[in-house]
């Protein structure tokens, strides 16, 4: 057929085709397809793919593609990455999507990272770690053996664990290797705190002592309490040491000379915890940078201003029940902004600027659960059987780890949390090292450690 005649015929066919119903059009196409050979079918297939299978991620501007991807959940996006190399490249480069997914998992987001492809990798690592937590596979255990009598005092810092025992010794352990770095002769230790040079111990003999690690020599002895010293804290900048005792008092000492600067009274029960910390918020009673002392007994938490001045008065007394029907558990968290303590009623969080109770967290069967650590995203809790991780955004327990029959202590010093930064959000690097340590009836120390990523 000549080109001119073909074009005229095609115009007539087109006019007729457009006048047909949809059903008639479909029957016409089916008939034409049945008459087509291999060349025509290949031509039809190629053109239909262009017309019907439009790759929007390839055709749209990158900004519009990112906007559309934000509406999909991470699991769907991972499936979409399998469509093609182009899709995988675009989806992997959508930083906002993966950062949001990481935040929802409780992961810390460091905006200094510029590599867009980095965040998909972070999300995959986060998914793996959260799955391990849920499946009870994130931790492993080990033991430290070396004491010959009960271990009463534990303190952890920067990968090192200090233990104080009734065998009249204190030991410093490298948690990663299980090796004892220092072992020195002391008195019976009810509380310990250390740094690179020295060890400070509170004792059942009613005294506090300062020891030198390298030589084991006692460099200072603090005498004045009339009851066992259950808790100690110190600050080298202020040259101050504080101690809480069974004699219902808190004493403030000059760290370098051993002189008692002040005795703080008002407690009517054993003072089981003292915390010396910088304030991070402003109120009528304190400003950011001020040093604050918290002391806790069975029913109350007292707040004291502290610094280079000797005399100080109690700023505030916190409790969870006016009639003392509910006692506080001997664990206390204070980060300069919030005070957190647990009781049989639940986990209490106070705003330090106003002293108001911000919230009370009451997970199921909380009467036996105690506080170990409290952060912005997670809390670390435990009872007689398990170690728990709570997502503070939902107030739900997301993981638990079985614990052995550890040594119980009403003062709460024979068990402690290890690394704490991950409680403000995991980041793929802070989920390592010690999670929990406790003393055992056989005088060993049971450790719960982060397991390396699978």
Protein backbone atom coordinates (compact mmCIF):
# COMPACT_ATOMS: atom_id res chain seq x y z
CA UNK A 1 0.00 0.00 0.00
CA UNK A 2 1.29 3.41 -0.93
CA UNK A 3 2.16 5.79 1.91
CA UNK A 4 -0.60 8.25 0.90
CA UNK A 5 -3.23 5.53 0.75
CA UNK A 6 -1.97 4.05 4.06
CA UNK A 7 -2.26 7.39 5.86
CA UNK A 8 -5.82 7.84 4.56
CA UNK A 9 -6.74 4.34 5.66
CA UNK A 10 -5.18 4.89 9.09
CA UNK A 11 -7.17 8.10 9.57
CA UNK A 12 -10.43 6.33 8.74
CA UNK A 13 -9.59 3.44 11.09
CA UNK A 14 -8.69 5.88 13.87
CA UNK A 15 -11.97 7.77 13.53
CA UNK A 16 -13.90 4.51 13.61
CA UNK A 17 -11.86 3.18 16.58
CA UNK A 18 -12.55 6.29 18.64
CA UNK A 19 -16.27 5.86 18.08
CA UNK A 20 -16.27 2.37 19.58
CA UNK A 21 -17.15 1.48 23.16
CA UNK A 22 -14.39 0.41 25.57
CA UNK A 23 -15.44 -3.21 25.19
CA UNK A 24 -15.32 -2.97 21.38
CA UNK A 25 -11.92 -1.27 21.54
CA UNK A 26 -10.59 -4.12 23.69
CA UNK A 27 -11.96 -6.74 21.28
CA UNK A 28 -10.37 -4.87 18.36
CA UNK A 29 -6.99 -4.80 20.10
CA UNK A 30 -7.25 -8.48 20.98
CA UNK A 31 -7.97 -9.30 17.34
CA UNK A 32 -5.04 -7.21 16.09
CA UNK A 33 -2.70 -8.82 18.61
CA UNK A 34 -3.78 -12.26 17.45
CA UNK A 35 -2.87 -11.28 13.89
CA UNK A 36 0.55 -9.86 14.89
CA UNK A 37 3.84 -11.59 14.38
CA UNK A 38 6.98 -11.56 16.54
CA UNK A 39 8.19 -8.18 15.24
CA UNK A 40 4.88 -6.51 16.03
CA UNK A 41 4.62 -8.08 19.50
CA UNK A 42 8.18 -6.95 20.39
CA UNK A 43 7.36 -3.45 19.20
CA UNK A 44 4.17 -3.48 21.27
CA UNK A 45 6.00 -4.70 24.39
CA UNK A 46 8.68 -2.01 24.18
CA UNK A 47 6.19 0.81 23.76
CA UNK A 48 3.85 -0.40 26.50
CA UNK A 49 6.74 -0.45 29.00
CA UNK A 50 7.50 3.19 28.21
CA UNK A 51 3.82 4.18 28.44
CA UNK A 52 2.79 2.17 31.51
CA UNK A 53 5.94 1.50 33.57
CA UNK A 54 7.17 5.02 34.27
CA UNK A 55 10.09 5.03 36.76
CA UNK A 56 9.11 8.03 38.87
CA UNK A 57 12.28 7.87 40.99
CA UNK A 58 14.29 8.15 37.79
CA UNK A 59 12.17 10.85 36.17
CA UNK A 60 11.28 13.08 39.15
CA UNK A 61 13.64 15.70 40.62
CA UNK A 62 15.50 14.29 43.61
CA UNK A 63 13.74 16.64 46.05
CA UNK A 64 10.31 15.36 44.97
CA UNK A 65 11.47 11.77 45.18
CA UNK A 66 12.64 12.35 48.76
CA UNK A 67 9.29 13.94 49.62
CA UNK A 68 7.39 10.90 48.35
CA UNK A 69 9.71 8.45 50.10
CA UNK A 70 9.04 10.08 53.47
CA UNK A 71 5.52 8.63 53.41
CA UNK A 72 6.75 5.04 53.30
CA UNK A 73 7.80 2.99 56.33
CA UNK A 74 11.43 1.78 56.57
CA UNK A 75 10.54 -1.89 55.98
CA UNK A 76 8.81 -0.99 52.68
CA UNK A 77 11.72 1.20 51.66
CA UNK A 78 14.18 -1.64 52.22
CA UNK A 79 12.04 -3.81 49.93
CA UNK A 80 11.98 -1.02 47.34
CA UNK A 81 15.79 -0.94 47.39
CA UNK A 82 15.67 -4.33 45.64
CA UNK A 83 13.80 -2.96 42.57
CA UNK A 84 16.88 -1.60 40.81
CA UNK A 85 20.29 -0.05 41.38
CA UNK A 86 18.78 3.38 40.68
CA UNK A 87 16.07 2.92 43.31
CA UNK A 88 18.59 1.65 45.85
CA UNK A 89 20.81 4.67 45.21
CA UNK A 90 17.99 7.21 45.58
CA UNK A 91 16.40 5.56 48.62
CA UNK A 92 19.75 5.11 50.37
CA UNK A 93 20.52 8.81 49.86
CA UNK A 94 17.29 9.96 51.51
CA UNK A 95 18.93 11.10 54.78
CA UNK A 96 15.79 12.43 56.46
CA UNK A 97 13.95 9.12 56.07
CA UNK A 98 16.69 7.07 57.71
CA UNK A 99 17.43 9.62 60.42
CA UNK A 100 13.75 9.66 61.39
CA UNK A 101 13.68 5.85 61.41
CA UNK A 102 16.76 5.81 63.67
CA UNK A 103 15.21 8.34 66.05
CA UNK A 104 12.07 6.23 66.31
CA UNK A 105 14.24 3.32 67.44
CA UNK A 106 15.83 5.46 70.15
CA UNK A 107 19.04 6.07 68.23
CA UNK A 108 21.14 9.22 68.67
CA UNK A 109 21.45 11.39 65.57
CA UNK A 110 24.76 13.17 65.00
CA UNK A 111 24.15 15.95 62.47
CA UNK A 112 27.89 16.33 61.91
CA UNK A 113 27.87 13.24 59.67
CA UNK A 114 27.61 14.46 56.08
CA UNK A 115 27.59 11.15 54.21
CA UNK A 116 23.96 10.57 53.21
CA UNK A 117 24.47 6.86 52.57
CA UNK A 118 25.73 6.52 56.16
CA UNK A 119 22.25 6.74 57.66
CA UNK A 120 20.79 3.71 55.94
CA UNK A 121 23.73 1.70 57.32
CA UNK A 122 23.08 3.14 60.78
CA UNK A 123 19.43 2.14 60.55
CA UNK A 124 20.31 -1.44 59.57
CA UNK A 125 22.71 -1.60 62.51
CA UNK A 126 20.04 -0.15 64.80
CA UNK A 127 17.44 -2.68 63.65
CA UNK A 128 19.85 -5.51 64.39
CA UNK A 129 20.66 -4.23 67.90
CA UNK A 130 17.01 -3.65 68.80
CA UNK A 131 16.13 -7.14 67.56
CA UNK A 132 18.91 -8.56 69.73
CA UNK A 133 17.50 -6.70 72.73
CA UNK A 134 14.03 -8.04 72.07
CA UNK A 135 15.29 -11.60 71.54
CA UNK A 136 17.53 -11.52 74.67
CA UNK A 137 20.68 -11.79 72.56
CA UNK A 138 22.27 -8.37 73.09
CA UNK A 139 24.19 -9.22 76.28
CA UNK A 140 26.67 -11.76 77.56
CA UNK A 141 27.95 -12.53 81.06
CA UNK A 142 31.26 -13.08 82.81
CA UNK A 143 32.65 -13.17 86.36
CA UNK A 144 35.47 -11.55 88.32
CA UNK A 145 37.04 -13.81 90.95
CA UNK A 146 39.55 -12.67 93.54
CA UNK A 147 37.92 -11.67 96.83
CA UNK A 148 37.78 -14.08 99.78
CA UNK A 149 34.80 -12.51 101.56
CA UNK A 150 31.58 -10.77 100.62
CA UNK A 151 31.84 -7.83 98.21
CA UNK A 152 29.79 -4.96 99.56
CA UNK A 153 30.83 -1.94 97.48
CA UNK A 154 31.03 -1.42 93.71
CA UNK A 155 31.87 1.62 91.58
CA UNK A 156 32.37 1.81 87.79
CA UNK A 157 34.11 4.40 85.64
CA UNK A 158 35.66 4.40 82.13
CA UNK A 159 35.93 0.64 81.72
CA UNK A 160 37.25 0.07 85.26
CA UNK A 161 35.34 -1.52 88.12
CA UNK A 162 36.31 -1.03 91.76
CA UNK A 163 35.22 -3.57 94.36
CA UNK A 164 35.42 -3.28 98.14
CA UNK A 165 35.14 -6.35 100.33
CA UNK A 166 34.92 -7.66 103.88
CA UNK A 167 38.31 -9.28 103.26
CA UNK A 168 39.76 -5.82 104.05
CA UNK A 169 40.76 -5.15 100.46
CA UNK A 170 39.73 -3.13 97.43
CA UNK A 171 40.48 -4.19 93.88
CA UNK A 172 40.45 -2.35 90.57
CA UNK A 173 39.48 -4.45 87.54
CA UNK A 174 39.68 -3.95 83.79
CA UNK A 175 36.20 -5.07 82.77
CA UNK A 176 37.14 -5.84 79.16
CA UNK A 177 39.91 -8.27 80.10
CA UNK A 178 38.79 -9.37 83.58
CA UNK A 179 42.27 -8.61 84.92
CA UNK A 180 42.89 -7.10 88.37
CA UNK A 181 44.98 -3.94 87.92
CA UNK A 182 45.40 -2.97 91.57
CA UNK A 183 44.69 -4.70 94.85
CA UNK A 184 45.26 -2.81 98.10
CA UNK A 185 44.63 -3.52 101.78
CA UNK A 186 41.88 -1.32 103.25
CA UNK A 187 39.21 -1.46 105.95
CA UNK A 188 35.78 -3.06 105.44
CA UNK A 189 34.28 -1.14 102.53
CA UNK A 190 30.62 -0.13 102.45
CA UNK A 191 31.16 2.42 99.64
CA UNK A 192 33.92 3.18 97.12
CA UNK A 193 34.72 5.84 94.55
CA UNK A 194 37.96 6.25 92.60
CA UNK A 195 39.91 8.09 89.94
CA UNK A 196 43.27 7.41 88.28
CA UNK A 197 45.33 8.24 91.37
CA UNK A 198 43.18 7.58 94.41
CA UNK A 199 40.46 5.52 95.99
CA UNK A 200 37.98 6.90 98.54
CA UNK A 201 36.25 4.37 100.79
CA UNK A 202 33.40 4.59 103.28
CA UNK A 203 33.52 1.90 105.92
CA UNK A 204 31.51 -0.03 108.48
CA UNK A 205 34.13 1.19 111.00
CA UNK A 206 32.45 4.66 110.84
CA UNK A 207 35.31 6.32 108.94
CA UNK A 208 36.18 7.46 105.43
CA UNK A 209 39.65 6.95 104.00
CA UNK A 210 41.59 8.03 100.92
CA UNK A 211 44.15 5.62 99.42
CA UNK A 212 46.81 5.85 96.74
CA UNK A 213 46.45 3.14 94.09
CA UNK A 214 50.10 2.88 93.12
CA UNK A 215 51.44 2.35 96.63
CA UNK A 216 48.38 1.26 98.58
CA UNK A 217 49.17 3.94 101.17
CA UNK A 218 46.42 5.64 103.16
CA UNK A 219 46.79 9.36 102.39
CA UNK A 220 43.88 10.66 104.46
CA UNK A 221 41.58 9.42 107.21
CA UNK A 222 38.24 11.13 107.92
CA UNK A 223 36.94 10.49 111.45
CA UNK A 224 33.75 11.85 112.96
CA UNK A 225 30.79 9.70 112.03
CA UNK A 226 29.27 7.54 114.76
CA UNK A 227 27.70 5.03 112.36
CA UNK A 228 28.71 3.10 109.25
CA UNK A 229 29.40 5.23 106.17
CA UNK A 230 27.20 3.97 103.36
CA UNK A 231 27.93 6.47 100.58
CA UNK A 232 30.71 8.84 99.54
CA UNK A 233 31.23 11.40 96.77
CA UNK A 234 33.92 14.00 96.15
CA UNK A 235 35.01 16.81 93.86
CA UNK A 236 38.68 17.69 93.39
CA UNK A 237 37.88 21.17 92.04
CA UNK A 238 36.05 22.09 95.24
CA UNK A 239 38.43 20.05 97.43
CA UNK A 240 35.32 18.62 99.06
CA UNK A 241 34.27 15.13 100.10
CA UNK A 242 30.76 14.26 101.31
CA UNK A 243 29.69 11.17 103.21
CA UNK A 244 26.32 9.71 104.27
CA UNK A 245 26.09 7.58 107.38
CA UNK A 246 23.96 5.36 109.58
CA UNK A 247 24.23 8.10 112.21
CA UNK A 248 21.56 10.02 110.17
CA UNK A 249 24.03 12.77 109.15
CA UNK A 250 25.87 13.95 106.07
CA UNK A 251 29.36 15.29 106.64
CA UNK A 252 31.25 17.71 104.39
CA UNK A 253 35.04 17.33 104.52
CA UNK A 254 38.07 19.10 103.09
CA UNK A 255 39.38 16.40 100.77
CA UNK A 256 43.04 17.39 101.03
CA UNK A 257 43.27 17.85 104.81
CA UNK A 258 40.58 15.55 106.23
CA UNK A 259 39.02 18.41 108.20
CA UNK A 260 35.26 18.23 108.80
CA UNK A 261 33.79 21.45 107.40
CA UNK A 262 30.15 20.85 108.25
CA UNK A 263 27.71 18.27 109.55
CA UNK A 264 24.31 18.34 107.84
CA UNK A 265 21.44 17.16 110.03
CA UNK A 266 17.75 16.59 109.46
CA UNK A 267 17.61 12.98 108.31
CA UNK A 268 15.82 10.56 110.64
CA UNK A 269 16.98 7.38 108.92
CA UNK A 270 20.26 5.98 107.59
CA UNK A 271 21.66 8.17 104.81
CA UNK A 272 22.25 5.58 102.11
CA UNK A 273 23.14 7.83 99.18
CA UNK A 274 24.94 11.14 98.63
CA UNK A 275 25.43 12.71 95.18
CA UNK A 276 27.54 15.81 94.47
CA UNK A 277 26.67 17.29 91.08
CA UNK A 278 26.63 20.56 89.12
CA UNK A 279 23.24 22.15 88.58
CA UNK A 280 22.25 22.62 84.90
CA UNK A 281 19.04 24.65 85.31
CA UNK A 282 18.09 28.03 86.78
CA UNK A 283 15.60 28.60 89.58
CA UNK A 284 15.07 30.97 92.50
CA UNK A 285 17.38 28.82 94.63
CA UNK A 286 20.22 27.93 92.28
CA UNK A 287 21.86 28.79 88.96
CA UNK A 288 23.56 26.67 86.27
CA UNK A 289 27.04 25.76 87.45
CA UNK A 290 26.20 25.72 91.15
CA UNK A 291 27.23 22.60 93.00
CA UNK A 292 24.35 20.70 94.59
CA UNK A 293 24.40 17.93 97.15
CA UNK A 294 21.62 15.36 97.29
CA UNK A 295 21.28 13.03 100.27
CA UNK A 296 18.72 10.24 100.52
CA UNK A 297 17.41 8.07 103.33
CA UNK A 298 14.59 5.54 103.47
CA UNK A 299 11.83 8.14 103.07
CA UNK A 300 13.31 11.48 101.95
CA UNK A 301 15.69 13.16 99.51
CA UNK A 302 17.25 16.36 100.81
CA UNK A 303 18.77 19.02 98.56
CA UNK A 304 21.65 21.18 99.79
CA UNK A 305 23.65 24.00 98.17
CA UNK A 306 27.36 23.27 98.38
CA UNK A 307 30.58 24.92 97.30
CA UNK A 308 33.47 26.70 98.86
CA UNK A 309 31.24 28.08 101.58
CA UNK A 310 31.08 25.93 104.69
CA UNK A 311 27.59 26.55 106.01
CA UNK A 312 24.55 25.53 104.01
CA UNK A 313 20.87 24.96 104.69
CA UNK A 314 18.56 22.39 103.16
CA UNK A 315 16.85 23.87 100.09
CA UNK A 316 14.13 21.27 99.75
CA UNK A 317 13.00 17.88 101.01
CA UNK A 318 11.34 15.48 98.54
CA UNK A 319 9.24 12.43 99.38
CA UNK A 320 6.58 10.26 97.76
CA UNK A 321 4.26 9.96 100.78
CA UNK A 322 3.60 12.44 103.58
CA UNK A 323 2.86 9.77 106.18
CA UNK A 324 6.01 7.75 105.38
CA UNK A 325 3.93 4.75 104.39
CA UNK A 326 6.01 4.34 101.22
CA UNK A 327 9.79 4.01 101.38
CA UNK A 328 12.30 5.00 98.71
CA UNK A 329 14.60 2.41 97.23
CA UNK A 330 18.29 3.16 97.81
CA UNK A 331 19.06 4.20 94.25
CA UNK A 332 19.16 7.84 93.15
CA UNK A 333 19.73 9.49 89.76
CA UNK A 334 20.59 13.19 89.41
CA UNK A 335 22.01 14.70 86.21
CA UNK A 336 21.70 18.38 87.10
CA UNK A 337 18.23 18.68 85.50
CA UNK A 338 16.14 15.86 86.92
CA UNK A 339 16.01 13.82 90.09
CA UNK A 340 14.80 10.24 89.70
CA UNK A 341 14.14 7.70 92.43
CA UNK A 342 12.02 4.55 92.64
CA UNK A 343 9.61 3.29 95.26
CA UNK A 344 6.88 0.69 95.55
CA UNK A 345 4.54 3.23 93.92
CA UNK A 346 6.65 3.56 90.80
CA UNK A 347 9.47 5.55 89.29
CA UNK A 348 9.36 9.24 90.30
CA UNK A 349 10.92 12.02 88.21
CA UNK A 350 11.25 15.53 89.67
CA UNK A 351 12.09 18.69 87.72
CA UNK A 352 15.08 20.19 89.53
CA UNK A 353 14.21 23.78 88.56
CA UNK A 354 10.78 23.67 90.23
CA UNK A 355 10.99 20.52 92.40
CA UNK A 356 7.66 19.49 90.85
CA UNK A 357 6.97 15.84 90.05
CA UNK A 358 7.03 15.58 86.27
CA UNK A 359 5.73 12.03 86.05
CA UNK A 360 5.32 8.76 87.86
CA UNK A 361 6.06 5.66 85.79
CA UNK A 362 4.18 2.53 86.87
CA UNK A 363 5.02 -0.54 84.79
CA UNK A 364 3.33 -3.83 85.71
CA UNK A 365 4.38 -5.30 89.06
CA UNK A 366 6.67 -2.37 89.80
CA UNK A 367 6.71 -3.04 93.55
CA UNK A 368 9.80 -5.24 93.20
CA UNK A 369 11.60 -3.28 90.44
CA UNK A 370 14.51 -0.97 91.29
CA UNK A 371 16.22 1.83 89.37
CA UNK A 372 19.73 1.42 88.00
CA UNK A 373 20.04 4.15 85.38
CA UNK A 374 17.84 6.83 83.81
CA UNK A 375 18.41 8.69 80.54
CA UNK A 376 16.56 10.67 77.89
CA UNK A 377 15.39 7.59 75.96
CA UNK A 378 15.93 4.50 78.11
CA UNK A 379 15.87 3.47 81.77
CA UNK A 380 17.74 0.48 83.18
CA UNK A 381 15.80 -1.40 85.87
CA UNK A 382 16.09 -4.71 87.69
CA UNK A 383 14.39 -7.01 90.17
CA UNK A 384 15.25 -10.34 91.78
CA UNK A 385 15.16 -12.19 88.46
CA UNK A 386 15.73 -9.87 85.52
CA UNK A 387 17.50 -6.82 84.18
CA UNK A 388 15.03 -4.63 82.24
CA UNK A 389 15.29 -1.89 79.62
CA UNK A 390 12.37 0.55 79.45
CA UNK A 391 11.65 2.92 76.56
CA UNK A 392 10.80 6.09 78.47
CA UNK A 393 8.87 7.52 75.50
CA UNK A 394 6.28 4.75 75.73
CA UNK A 395 7.00 3.65 79.33
CA UNK A 396 7.06 0.05 78.13
CA UNK A 397 9.64 -2.62 78.87
CA UNK A 398 11.39 -3.53 75.61
CA UNK A 399 13.94 -6.05 76.86
CA UNK A 400 14.91 -8.21 79.80
CA UNK A 401 17.93 -10.30 80.72
CA UNK A 402 17.98 -13.11 83.33
CA UNK A 403 20.00 -12.55 86.52
CA UNK A 404 21.43 -15.14 88.89
CA UNK A 405 20.72 -15.25 92.63
CA UNK A 406 22.85 -12.24 93.54
CA UNK A 407 23.61 -10.91 97.02
CA UNK A 408 20.81 -8.66 98.30
CA UNK A 409 21.54 -5.35 100.02
CA UNK A 410 19.07 -2.93 101.57
CA UNK A 411 21.52 -0.12 100.95
CA UNK A 412 21.67 -0.81 97.23
CA UNK A 413 25.45 -0.60 96.86
CA UNK A 414 26.19 -4.21 95.96
CA UNK A 415 24.93 -3.75 92.39
CA UNK A 416 25.32 -0.94 89.88
CA UNK A 417 24.94 0.08 86.26
CA UNK A 418 27.97 0.29 83.99
CA UNK A 419 28.13 2.50 80.91
CA UNK A 420 25.34 5.08 80.97
CA UNK A 421 25.58 7.15 77.76
CA UNK A 422 23.44 4.69 75.78
CA UNK A 423 20.47 5.55 78.03
CA UNK A 424 20.31 8.88 76.17
CA UNK A 425 20.06 6.97 72.90
CA UNK A 426 22.12 4.26 71.25
CA UNK A 427 24.46 5.35 68.45
CA UNK A 428 26.13 2.13 67.31
CA UNK A 429 29.29 2.90 69.29
CA UNK A 430 28.13 3.35 72.89
CA UNK A 431 26.55 -0.12 73.05
CA UNK A 432 29.68 -1.78 74.38
CA UNK A 433 31.27 -2.47 77.73
CA UNK A 434 29.65 -3.07 81.11
CA UNK A 435 25.86 -2.94 81.50
CA UNK A 436 25.41 -4.26 85.05
CA UNK A 437 27.52 -5.67 87.88
CA UNK A 438 26.52 -7.33 91.13
CA UNK A 439 28.22 -9.26 93.94
CA UNK A 440 27.47 -12.94 94.36
CA UNK A 441 27.17 -15.18 97.43
CA UNK A 442 30.43 -16.94 96.44
CA UNK A 443 32.27 -13.55 96.66
CA UNK A 444 32.63 -13.24 92.86
CA UNK A 445 31.28 -10.34 90.82
CA UNK A 446 28.75 -11.14 88.10
CA UNK A 447 29.01 -8.93 85.00
CA UNK A 448 26.47 -8.30 82.23
CA UNK A 449 28.21 -6.94 79.13
CA UNK A 450 27.12 -5.75 75.71
CA UNK A 451 27.71 -8.43 73.09
CA UNK A 452 29.36 -7.34 69.86
CA UNK A 453 27.07 -6.75 66.88
CA UNK A 454 26.28 -9.87 64.89
